[in-house]
Amino acid sequence: MPRRFCERWLRRLPRDAALVPLVRFLGATSADVADPVFGKDLSFYLLALPLYDNVAEIIITIVFLMIVLWAVIGLAIRRATTVAVARTPA
């Protein structure tokens, strides 16, 4: 039963949804229209910036998870050493 549910759910997702920004980035060509404020080509905002945004989001998520894991491990070690010190006879 769960397998059928997962298969139905996965079929609803577009298969190449994760690759769309990469394919757009690799196939990017100049639009020959410059942004009046920053001077970047319009193709940068349409094709390259979404990929950079996705990469930055992945990096931020990994860093956040590493900090949480570091805190959990640090608290576990600290608690274990505190308990060990408290149980040793003086």
Protein backbone atom coordinates (compact mmCIF):
# COMPACT_ATOMS: atom_id res chain seq x y z
CA MET A 1 0.00 0.00 0.00
CA PRO A 2 2.65 2.65 0.90
CA ARG A 3 4.62 1.76 -2.21
CA ARG A 4 1.65 2.44 -4.47
CA PHE A 5 1.01 5.74 -2.72
CA CYS A 6 4.65 6.80 -3.20
CA GLU A 7 4.61 5.79 -6.85
CA ARG A 8 1.45 7.82 -7.50
CA TRP A 9 2.87 10.82 -5.69
CA LEU A 10 6.17 10.65 -7.57
CA ARG A 11 4.42 10.42 -10.92
CA ARG A 12 2.72 13.73 -10.24
CA LEU A 13 6.04 15.51 -9.84
CA PRO A 14 7.81 16.73 -12.96
CA ARG A 15 10.77 14.49 -13.58
CA ASP A 16 13.16 17.24 -14.55
CA ALA A 17 12.07 19.91 -12.05
CA ALA A 18 15.47 19.91 -10.34
CA LEU A 19 17.37 20.14 -13.62
CA VAL A 20 15.49 23.06 -15.16
CA PRO A 21 17.72 25.82 -13.69
CA LEU A 22 20.85 23.90 -14.69
CA VAL A 23 19.65 23.36 -18.26
CA ARG A 24 18.68 27.02 -18.53
CA PHE A 25 22.10 28.05 -17.22
CA LEU A 26 23.99 25.79 -19.62
CA GLY A 27 21.94 26.89 -22.63
CA ALA A 28 21.99 30.57 -21.79
CA THR A 29 22.67 33.04 -24.57
CA SER A 30 22.87 36.79 -24.45
CA ALA A 31 19.58 38.67 -24.79
CA ASP A 32 21.41 41.83 -25.89
CA VAL A 33 19.25 43.85 -23.50
CA ALA A 34 21.02 45.43 -20.55
CA ASP A 35 19.42 46.22 -17.22
CA PRO A 36 19.42 50.03 -16.85
CA VAL A 37 20.17 49.96 -13.11
CA PHE A 38 22.90 47.32 -12.71
CA GLY A 39 24.04 46.96 -16.31
CA LYS A 40 23.68 43.16 -16.36
CA ASP A 41 22.30 41.39 -19.39
CA LEU A 42 18.66 40.37 -19.08
CA SER A 43 19.56 36.72 -19.64
CA PHE A 44 21.49 36.76 -16.35
CA TYR A 45 18.30 37.44 -14.37
CA LEU A 46 16.26 34.89 -16.31
CA LEU A 47 18.77 32.06 -16.69
CA ALA A 48 21.78 32.32 -14.36
CA LEU A 49 20.38 33.95 -11.23
CA PRO A 50 17.87 31.16 -10.43
CA LEU A 51 20.71 28.62 -10.49
CA TYR A 52 22.85 30.79 -8.22
CA ASP A 53 19.86 31.18 -5.90
CA ASN A 54 19.36 27.40 -5.72
CA VAL A 55 23.06 26.77 -5.03
CA ALA A 56 23.10 29.42 -2.28
CA GLU A 57 19.99 27.89 -0.72
CA ILE A 58 21.57 24.43 -0.68
CA ILE A 59 24.77 25.77 0.88
CA ILE A 60 22.86 27.68 3.58
CA THR A 61 20.81 24.58 4.39
CA ILE A 62 23.92 22.42 4.70
CA VAL A 63 25.63 24.96 6.96
CA PHE A 64 22.51 25.23 9.14
CA LEU A 65 22.25 21.45 9.48
CA MET A 66 25.95 21.22 10.34
CA ILE A 67 25.54 23.82 13.10
CA VAL A 68 22.54 21.97 14.53
CA LEU A 69 24.40 18.65 14.40
CA TRP A 70 27.46 20.24 16.02
CA ALA A 71 25.29 21.61 18.85
CA VAL A 72 23.53 18.30 19.43
CA ILE A 73 26.81 16.35 19.50
CA GLY A 74 28.41 18.96 21.75
CA LEU A 75 25.55 18.83 24.22
CA ALA A 76 25.59 15.03 24.22
CA ILE A 77 29.33 14.94 24.91
CA ARG A 78 29.06 17.60 27.59
CA ARG A 79 26.21 15.77 29.29
CA ALA A 80 28.11 12.46 29.13
CA THR A 81 31.27 13.96 30.67
CA THR A 82 29.27 15.76 33.36
CA VAL A 83 27.53 12.55 34.36
CA ALA A 84 30.85 10.65 34.34
CA VAL A 85 32.53 13.26 36.54
CA ALA A 86 29.61 13.32 38.95
CA ARG A 87 29.72 9.53 39.41
CA THR A 88 33.45 9.25 40.13
CA PRO A 89 34.18 8.89 43.85
CA ALA A 90 36.29 11.59 45.40
